[in-house]
């Protein structure tokens, strides 16, 4: 029994060559282990020697003659644990000496001149005059600057402009204008639009656009200048306006009847014919 390094020395190959045999699939490593290390039996050593004797050695260089103890230590990677290095004690750095602060020479203060004004024959400062009059100092100073430091003008009362209150005017709403259509007077444009079955805005827009009153009051949505649609009714061609006048219906109601009966006037107004007969 031996280890891997001894088996390689006995066969005359390097451990790298054994690794190449294993990667090429020519040789299988033993599986027996003792204390974590592979242990070679005599049978395993014979298999390796037969493989090398077949000339399939990819690295025929002979193993150099070295000390076996040093070789085993190199193969097993059993290096001695390094001793911890002693820490070097660093001397503390000396603290720099604080630099002396430069003393600045105080600047000479400017002498402030106190402005005085004369009021009722006595000199006052602005603060004293404001306290005497019961005013804010800033308000008094602002008035004096505007008036060129003339106390009389600054303290003179300003004449108030008289305001004449305007009497409240009542809100007058525009009264609706009556509209005459086909000899009938309606109270307003909205009343006429409601009677015709159209919206007031639509009627106002048509009249303001210059459309003739006959076309503007029509409930059809056809463009100006086009003929109204005609329907076959009792052997005659009639319009939806004529049907509304005959049966007393609103244009929207007549249009809905025609649409339900696929625009067949005979079927749409059959019940109205029976009532008339």
Protein backbone atom coordinates (compact mmCIF):
# COMPACT_ATOMS: atom_id res chain seq x y z
CA UNK A 1 0.00 0.00 0.00
CA UNK A 2 1.27 3.46 -0.93
CA UNK A 3 0.04 6.92 -1.75
CA UNK A 4 -0.30 8.68 -5.09
CA UNK A 5 3.17 10.23 -5.12
CA UNK A 6 4.86 6.88 -4.40
CA UNK A 7 2.81 5.16 -7.12
CA UNK A 8 3.91 7.80 -9.67
CA UNK A 9 7.57 7.40 -8.68
CA UNK A 10 7.30 3.60 -9.01
CA UNK A 11 5.81 3.92 -12.53
CA UNK A 12 8.32 6.63 -13.50
CA UNK A 13 5.81 9.31 -14.36
CA UNK A 14 4.88 12.68 -12.97
CA UNK A 15 1.61 13.33 -11.12
CA UNK A 16 0.61 15.61 -14.01
CA UNK A 17 0.88 12.62 -16.39
CA UNK A 18 -1.40 10.60 -14.10
CA UNK A 19 -3.92 13.42 -14.22
CA UNK A 20 -3.80 13.31 -18.06
CA UNK A 21 -4.47 9.54 -18.01
CA UNK A 22 -7.50 10.10 -15.78
CA UNK A 23 -8.89 12.96 -17.94
CA UNK A 24 -8.40 10.86 -21.10
CA UNK A 25 -10.37 7.98 -19.53
CA UNK A 26 -7.43 5.54 -19.68
CA UNK A 27 -7.14 5.05 -15.94
CA UNK A 28 -9.46 5.11 -12.94
CA UNK A 29 -8.16 6.35 -9.62
CA UNK A 30 -8.55 4.12 -6.57
CA UNK A 31 -11.32 4.94 -4.14
CA UNK A 32 -9.87 3.68 -0.88
CA UNK A 33 -8.95 6.47 1.55
CA UNK A 34 -7.17 6.52 4.88
CA UNK A 35 -7.31 9.70 6.94
CA UNK A 36 -8.52 11.54 3.86
CA UNK A 37 -5.65 10.41 1.54
CA UNK A 38 -5.91 7.99 -1.38
CA UNK A 39 -4.34 4.58 -0.72
CA UNK A 40 -3.01 2.51 -3.64
CA UNK A 41 -3.15 -1.25 -3.54
CA UNK A 42 -0.80 -3.58 -5.40
CA UNK A 43 -3.48 -4.21 -8.04
CA UNK A 44 -3.81 -0.45 -8.68
CA UNK A 45 -0.02 -0.16 -9.01
CA UNK A 46 0.04 -2.99 -11.55
CA UNK A 47 -2.71 -1.34 -13.64
CA UNK A 48 -0.70 1.89 -13.77
CA UNK A 49 2.52 0.07 -14.71
CA UNK A 50 0.73 -1.80 -17.54
CA UNK A 51 -0.66 1.49 -18.89
CA UNK A 52 2.78 3.08 -18.92
CA UNK A 53 4.29 -0.06 -20.54
CA UNK A 54 1.83 0.20 -23.46
CA UNK A 55 3.59 3.39 -24.57
CA UNK A 56 0.56 5.61 -23.99
CA UNK A 57 2.50 7.83 -21.71
CA UNK A 58 1.86 11.43 -22.84
CA UNK A 59 4.83 12.67 -20.80
CA UNK A 60 7.77 10.22 -21.10
CA UNK A 61 10.18 12.49 -19.18
CA UNK A 62 11.70 10.54 -16.29
CA UNK A 63 10.95 11.68 -12.79
CA UNK A 64 13.91 13.62 -11.33
CA UNK A 65 15.71 12.05 -8.41
CA UNK A 66 14.74 14.14 -5.42
CA UNK A 67 14.32 13.53 -1.77
CA UNK A 68 11.12 11.54 -1.18
CA UNK A 69 10.29 13.42 2.00
CA UNK A 70 10.43 16.79 0.28
CA UNK A 71 8.47 15.39 -2.73
CA UNK A 72 5.70 14.04 -0.51
CA UNK A 73 5.44 17.32 1.28
CA UNK A 74 5.21 19.11 -2.09
CA UNK A 75 2.52 16.79 -3.49
CA UNK A 76 0.38 16.75 -0.39
CA UNK A 77 0.54 20.53 -0.07
CA UNK A 78 1.32 20.13 3.62
CA UNK A 79 3.01 23.46 4.03
CA UNK A 80 3.87 24.66 7.52
CA UNK A 81 1.56 27.26 8.90
CA UNK A 82 3.25 30.63 8.81
CA UNK A 83 3.92 32.28 12.10
CA UNK A 84 2.04 35.50 12.65
CA UNK A 85 4.16 38.51 12.04
CA UNK A 86 4.57 40.78 14.98
CA UNK A 87 2.80 44.07 14.59
CA UNK A 88 5.00 47.06 14.32
CA UNK A 89 4.37 49.61 16.94
CA UNK A 90 4.04 52.99 15.36
CA UNK A 91 5.10 55.98 17.26
CA UNK A 92 2.31 58.53 17.65
CA UNK A 93 2.66 61.48 15.37
CA UNK A 94 3.36 64.69 17.13
CA UNK A 95 0.50 67.12 17.02
CA UNK A 96 1.29 70.32 15.19
CA UNK A 97 1.49 73.36 17.33
CA UNK A 98 -1.50 75.66 16.93
CA UNK A 99 -0.75 78.71 14.89
CA UNK A 100 -1.27 81.97 16.64
CA UNK A 101 -4.33 83.80 15.46
CA UNK A 102 -3.79 87.13 13.84
CA UNK A 103 -5.58 89.86 15.64
CA UNK A 104 -7.34 92.24 13.32
CA UNK A 105 -7.27 95.86 14.11
CA UNK A 106 -10.76 97.21 14.71
CA UNK A 107 -11.97 99.49 11.99
CA UNK A 108 -12.89 102.95 13.07
CA UNK A 109 -16.64 103.38 13.20
CA UNK A 110 -18.18 106.06 11.09
CA UNK A 111 -19.82 108.79 13.00
CA UNK A 112 -23.51 108.84 12.25
CA UNK A 113 -25.17 112.18 11.95
CA UNK A 114 -28.62 112.35 13.45
CA UNK A 115 -31.02 114.35 11.29
CA UNK A 116 -33.15 116.81 13.18
CA UNK A 117 -36.28 118.63 12.08
CA UNK A 118 -38.03 121.62 13.56
CA UNK A 119 -41.66 121.24 14.67
CA UNK A 120 -43.53 124.07 16.41
CA UNK A 121 -40.26 125.87 17.08
CA UNK A 122 -38.50 122.92 18.76
CA UNK A 123 -35.85 120.66 17.22
CA UNK A 124 -36.68 116.95 17.19
CA UNK A 125 -35.07 113.85 15.85
CA UNK A 126 -37.26 111.63 13.70
CA UNK A 127 -37.62 109.12 16.53
CA UNK A 128 -38.51 111.80 19.07
CA UNK A 129 -40.99 113.45 16.72
CA UNK A 130 -42.65 110.11 15.94
CA UNK A 131 -43.05 109.42 19.67
CA UNK A 132 -44.39 112.93 20.22
CA UNK A 133 -46.98 112.58 17.45
CA UNK A 134 -47.80 108.93 18.21
CA UNK A 135 -46.75 107.68 14.80
CA UNK A 136 -44.52 104.93 13.53
CA UNK A 137 -40.99 106.08 12.82
CA UNK A 138 -40.91 104.47 9.36
CA UNK A 139 -44.20 106.10 8.31
CA UNK A 140 -42.99 109.54 9.45
CA UNK A 141 -39.62 109.09 7.75
CA UNK A 142 -41.30 108.05 4.50
CA UNK A 143 -43.59 111.12 4.52
CA UNK A 144 -40.66 113.45 5.22
CA UNK A 145 -38.59 112.01 2.37
CA UNK A 146 -41.49 112.44 -0.06
CA UNK A 147 -42.04 116.07 1.00
CA UNK A 148 -38.35 117.05 0.98
CA UNK A 149 -38.10 116.96 4.80
CA UNK A 150 -40.72 119.64 5.13
CA UNK A 151 -42.61 118.87 8.34
CA UNK A 152 -45.56 121.09 7.44
CA UNK A 153 -46.25 119.33 4.15
CA UNK A 154 -45.61 115.88 5.57
CA UNK A 155 -48.10 116.32 8.43
CA UNK A 156 -50.74 118.26 6.47
CA UNK A 157 -53.97 116.23 6.16
CA UNK A 158 -54.81 115.17 2.65
CA UNK A 159 -58.25 116.15 1.36
CA UNK A 160 -60.38 113.14 0.84
CA UNK A 161 -62.20 112.88 -2.45
CA UNK A 162 -65.92 112.67 -2.01
CA UNK A 163 -67.40 109.54 -3.44
CA UNK A 164 -70.93 109.54 -4.69
CA UNK A 165 -72.54 106.19 -4.23
CA UNK A 166 -74.35 105.05 -7.32
CA UNK A 167 -77.87 103.78 -6.73
CA UNK A 168 -78.21 100.07 -7.32
CA UNK A 169 -79.61 99.37 -10.73
CA UNK A 170 -82.14 96.57 -11.00
CA UNK A 171 -81.21 93.74 -13.27
CA UNK A 172 -83.47 93.79 -16.30
CA UNK A 173 -83.80 90.54 -18.15
CA UNK A 174 -84.49 90.57 -21.83
CA UNK A 175 -88.15 89.82 -22.37
CA UNK A 176 -88.82 87.11 -24.94
CA UNK A 177 -89.82 88.45 -28.32
CA UNK A 178 -92.95 87.03 -29.92
CA UNK A 179 -92.54 85.11 -33.19
CA UNK A 180 -95.17 84.74 -35.95
CA UNK A 181 -95.14 81.54 -38.02
CA UNK A 182 -97.80 80.68 -40.63
CA UNK A 183 -100.17 83.29 -39.17
CA UNK A 184 -99.83 81.98 -35.60
CA UNK A 185 -98.08 84.10 -32.96
CA UNK A 186 -95.80 82.25 -30.51
CA UNK A 187 -94.60 83.69 -27.22
CA UNK A 188 -90.89 83.13 -27.95
CA UNK A 189 -88.45 81.37 -30.23
CA UNK A 190 -88.27 78.50 -27.74
CA UNK A 191 -92.05 78.02 -27.93
CA UNK A 192 -91.91 77.85 -31.73
CA UNK A 193 -89.02 75.38 -31.65
CA UNK A 194 -90.95 73.20 -29.19
CA UNK A 195 -94.00 73.24 -31.46
CA UNK A 196 -91.90 72.27 -34.49
CA UNK A 197 -90.07 69.50 -32.62
CA UNK A 198 -86.57 70.94 -33.06
CA UNK A 199 -84.12 72.53 -30.66
CA UNK A 200 -84.14 76.28 -30.10
CA UNK A 201 -80.40 76.57 -30.84
CA UNK A 202 -80.90 74.79 -34.16
CA UNK A 203 -83.73 77.13 -35.14
CA UNK A 204 -81.76 80.25 -34.13
CA UNK A 205 -78.67 79.05 -36.02
CA UNK A 206 -80.70 78.46 -39.20
CA UNK A 207 -82.33 81.89 -39.08
CA UNK A 208 -79.02 83.69 -38.29
CA UNK A 209 -77.30 81.82 -41.15
CA UNK A 210 -79.65 83.39 -43.72
CA UNK A 211 -81.77 80.29 -44.38
CA UNK A 212 -85.31 80.96 -45.52
CA UNK A 213 -87.91 80.70 -42.73
CA UNK A 214 -89.75 77.88 -44.59
CA UNK A 215 -86.58 75.77 -44.63
CA UNK A 216 -85.45 76.88 -41.18
CA UNK A 217 -88.70 75.69 -39.57
CA UNK A 218 -88.53 72.30 -41.30
CA UNK A 219 -87.74 69.39 -38.98
CA UNK A 220 -85.78 67.53 -41.67
CA UNK A 221 -82.00 67.56 -41.46
CA UNK A 222 -81.48 68.09 -45.19
CA UNK A 223 -79.16 70.81 -46.40
CA UNK A 224 -80.63 74.09 -47.69
CA UNK A 225 -81.60 73.92 -51.35
CA UNK A 226 -82.33 70.15 -51.36
CA UNK A 227 -85.80 68.74 -51.89
CA UNK A 228 -87.46 66.98 -48.92
CA UNK A 229 -87.83 63.22 -49.10
CA UNK A 230 -91.12 61.97 -50.51
CA UNK A 231 -93.03 58.81 -49.65
CA UNK A 232 -95.69 56.81 -51.55
CA UNK A 233 -99.01 57.15 -49.74
CA UNK A 234 -102.40 56.26 -51.28
CA UNK A 235 -101.06 56.63 -54.82
CA UNK A 236 -99.51 60.06 -54.17
CA UNK A 237 -96.02 61.39 -53.37
CA UNK A 238 -96.15 63.18 -50.00
CA UNK A 239 -93.53 64.62 -47.67
CA UNK A 240 -93.17 64.03 -43.95
CA UNK A 241 -94.46 67.58 -43.30
CA UNK A 242 -97.68 66.86 -45.23
CA UNK A 243 -98.17 63.62 -43.26
CA UNK A 244 -97.74 65.51 -39.98
CA UNK A 245 -100.29 68.15 -41.01
CA UNK A 246 -102.83 65.50 -42.12
CA UNK A 247 -102.67 63.32 -38.99
CA UNK A 248 -101.70 66.02 -36.46
CA UNK A 249 -98.40 64.44 -35.45
CA UNK A 250 -95.07 65.94 -34.49
CA UNK A 251 -92.26 65.53 -37.05
CA UNK A 252 -90.22 63.36 -34.68
CA UNK A 253 -93.20 61.03 -34.10
CA UNK A 254 -93.88 60.68 -37.85
CA UNK A 255 -90.19 60.03 -38.56
CA UNK A 256 -90.08 57.33 -35.86
CA UNK A 257 -93.14 55.60 -37.35
CA UNK A 258 -91.59 55.56 -40.82
CA UNK A 259 -88.29 54.20 -39.48
CA UNK A 260 -90.03 51.34 -37.60
CA UNK A 261 -91.89 50.25 -40.80
CA UNK A 262 -88.85 50.55 -43.11
CA UNK A 263 -90.14 53.90 -44.48
CA UNK A 264 -93.40 52.38 -45.76
CA UNK A 265 -95.95 55.17 -45.26
CA UNK A 266 -98.95 52.87 -45.84
CA UNK A 267 -97.98 50.61 -42.93
CA UNK A 268 -96.68 53.44 -40.71
CA UNK A 269 -99.99 55.35 -40.74
CA UNK A 270 -102.47 52.46 -41.20
CA UNK A 271 -103.93 52.92 -37.71
CA UNK A 272 -104.41 56.64 -38.30
CA UNK A 273 -106.32 55.93 -41.56
CA UNK A 274 -108.70 53.61 -39.70
CA UNK A 275 -109.37 56.29 -37.07
CA UNK A 276 -110.16 58.88 -39.76
CA UNK A 277 -112.52 56.47 -41.57
